[in-house]
Amino acid sequence: MCSTLRTNLLLLVLLSCYFTSVISSSQFSLSCQLQGQFDLNGMYKTGDVVLGGLFQIHFFSSVAIQSFTSQPQQPTCSGVYALGFKLAQTMAFAIDEINRNSNLLPNVTVGYTLYDSCQELGIGFRAALSLANSQEEKIILNDTCSGNPPVIGIVGDPSSTPSIAISSVLGLYRVPMVSYFATCSCLSDHQKYPSFFRTIPSDAFQVRAMIQILKHFGWTWVGLLVTDDDYGLHAARSFQSELSLSGESCLAYTEVLPWNKDTDELRRIVDVMKKSTARVVIVFEHYSRVINLMEEVVRQNLTGIQWMASESWTVAVPDVLQTPQLMPYLGGTLGIAIRRGEIPGLREFLLQIGPDLHHNNSYGNSMVNQFWEFAFQCSFAPAPAGWLEGGGAICTGQEDLKNVDNEFLDVSDLRPEYNVYKAVYALAYSLDDMLRCKPGRGPFSGNSCATLQSLEPWQLIYYLERVNFTTPFGDQVSFDENGDVEPIYDVMNWLWLPDGSTKVQNVGEVKGSGEGEELILDENRIFWNFESKKPPQSVCSESCPPGTHMVREKGKPQCCFDCIPCSEGKITNKTNSLECTSCPENFWSNPQRDHCIPKKTEFLSYHDPLGICLTATSLLGTLICAVVLGIFICHRRTPIVRANNSELSFQLLVSLKLCFLCSLLFIGRPRMWTCQLRHAAFGISFVLCVSCILVKTMVVLAVFKASKPGGGTSLKWFGAMQQRGTVLFLTSIQAAICTTWLVSSSPTPHKNTQYHNDKIVYECAVGSTVGFGVLLGYIGMLAFLSFLIAFLVRNLPDSFNEAKLITFSMLIFCAVWVAFVPAYVSSPGNLADAVEVFAILASGFGLLITLFGPKCYIILLRPELNTKKAVMGRGVES
């Protein structure tokens, strides 16, 4: 904010002074006369059309204190910047190449006027005004100050802040300006800066490119250091905006580096870096001031930092940052660099440069001479006082540039030079397209065309917006609606070699497209300045392990979070780490909560211990019934077997055997036929069993009545046929109940998930609860009736009265099934089947033991009681 305010204030002062001088002079003359000239360092070449250029040839500027008692002195520049001079010469080379090209701007000679901005806003603004309004002493055009501007377009300025100030003014007059190094995203506002174009991507893309690198290596917790000017402050805002949109990385801190060497502020910033857990630090700063920060880093011995450099210092002068003192800290730096290009013939052109010995300090030659003095560490005559005495050499002009040991002649890594080259050609192709316009088919009013004699700057902007050409290196150049070129950056890595030398190598590139940014990296070539030789970890909180989800820490950035385990039935959401996702219906989370697995299917299996026990018990009951039946068949003519209707005893044993066998239908995986058959078989078998018991009880009662005087007729109702018919009738009622139940609402296999979340209980749904209740109720009614009759005749004086045994057996039977109902209802899943099987087996064994146990005891162990006499002594033989 302070930088922007400073820029605006200086802009207003300069504009006021400049235009006031013009107006005041015009009040006293019929000609337009300059109040004075700016003392600018530059070089020029005449031509039919002239292109302007702004370059940083010097590092520093100084302004004498103004007392206004004499004519104010203009600022002076010092500290030659070899790369800046090389950029200026690249523009001169491009124009010379254009003039030699017969296919581009034929019959038109292009000239240039290049000024040194000294990396100072005020000087750069003076230079821009001079280019737009010329430095001629007088322009007399028929008593009016009118005519074509001295330059038709300007290449520059390299810095964002001067570009903002200059394009704000030049935009009013639609003078095209093509920058090769100004990256501030604010300059993409074509409404505010309509005449501004650039051949370097904006910081908005540079920021997105850096975010792609952060994503690639998983760096979610980073520090940001920016310079205190429009370049840095806009970059900081872009970073904060882009990171908030992506939601994948956070800024641990954002610090503004001081413009000058403020030791206390730099010490505070480095302290912040030391205390932070962020291991990755991004720096948006001009390389000439990065050295101030690094000196403090070295003083505090801050190591273990992965630096990320903006394009302004990624390929900085090796002698400044890539030194033995700094490389232990800066080695492994990753940076964004301008797209590299090739310019054939540039080196040969640079070698032809030579000083002007006759006009050493004249306008247009001082720039070359100053570079010559810097390159060869000499001074042109007359030498400054004390120069020779101090051992200084005199420049002869015969020095060989091939002996210069700096980057001036290095054309192997042309980056900003390539941007200058493209900027010059963009203006040239635009002018060429304009001059090729055919009258009557032009884009201007009345389909007219612009001419070289009547060219207006805004007419060239029309063609500049539509220019499209391909460089000899194969890159296509065109501008979008914001005046930006197609964005592409190289990714560079600072390599620290074992012999102590350094190298900045290309390890990838970032391209922009309509679908976003495409990052291509060769990780095998990247040098990591860590013991592990691997990328560092830079996170506020470690990534949540599988089976957990993130919970934001209150009051902290979104990259700081706690990891909470997912609840049962949920797993980590791969698309939204803030919540867990539920498993599908038939799936459940594994113990690690990282993926869903099919739920276990649970039923009363033959392989389970419980299923094995119940199966064995059922088969045991069946076997016992078979043994007892065999015993009874073998002793069927004995009195004990023939007593109380032996036929019913055989039917009872067969029905008990069926009862034991039907329990097997409740074990195993439920299927449609087993679900339908199990309850029907159970109901019919038990009704058959209880019916036989009921008939036996009624026979006992009938025999007792027949033994009394006048009761003989009671036996005719309970003959063998009546007994069979009664059993069949009672059983057929149950069969009808089962048939109705199966037809109306048949039991079916059912996957029940209500009992256990992590299991599927495979059971038989009864279908109709009423049908199941009627089935049980009918059995209960018959059992209760049998119990009641047997209880009434329990004390009859028969020799072998079964009433007592039937009473006891029915008591056990009713107790089992009364207890069964609540146990069955309250038992979940396969336990309900186990309860029902247990009830079947318990009641079956109760009947088998109580009814047939005493008889088998007499047959096998007390045969002396199995005689007619013994039986006759106690009862009646049937």
Foldseek 3Di string as FASTA:
>chain_A
DVQLVVLVVLLVVVVCVQVVQQVVVLVVDLWRFGPAAAPWAKAKDDWLAEEEEEFAQAADKDADDDPVPDDGDHIDGDHGDLVRVLLVLLLVVLLVVQQVDCVFPHPTRYMYIYTHQNPDLNSLLSRLVCQQAPRDRTDDDPSDPDFHGRHLAYEDDQEQSSVLSSLQVVQVQLRAYEYLHYAQPVLLPCVRRVRYFYAAHHLLQVLQVVVVVCVVVVFAEEAEEAEPHSQGVSNVVSNVVVCVVVVRHDHPYYYYDYPDLPPVSLLVVVVVVQPDLFQEYEYHDALVCVLSNQVSCLVVVDASHAYEYEQNPLVHWCVRQVALSRCLHHALHKYWHFDFFADPPSLVSVQPDWADLVCCPDHNGVSSQVVVCVQVVADAPPDPPCQVVVVGHHDPRPDGPVPGPGCSNPRPGDGSSVRSSVSSVLLSQLVRVQCPQDACCDPDPNNGGDDSRRDRSNNSSVSSQVDWDADPRGDIFHADPSNYTFHKIFMWTWHQDPVRGIDIDTFWMWGQDPVGIDTDGDVVPRADSDPVRDDDHGAQDPDADKQWAWDADPPDDRRHTDTGGADWQWIQDPVHRHHTHGDPQQWIADPRRRDIDGFAEDAQACPDPLNVVLLVLLVVLLVVLVVLLVLCVVCVVFQLCLALHNVLVNQLSVLLNLLSVLLVLRYDFDAQVSQLVSLLSNLLSLLLNLLSLLLSLVQLVLVLQCVDPPSVVSCVCNDPVNSVVSSVVSSVVLNVLSVVQCVPFGWHWDFDCPVDVRHTQTHTDRRDPVSSVVSVVSSLVSLVSSLVSLVVCVPPQALDDCSVLSNQLSVQLNVLVVVLVVQLVPDDGNVNSSSVSVSSSRSSVSNCCSRSVVVVCCVPPVVVCRHPVSRRVGHDRD
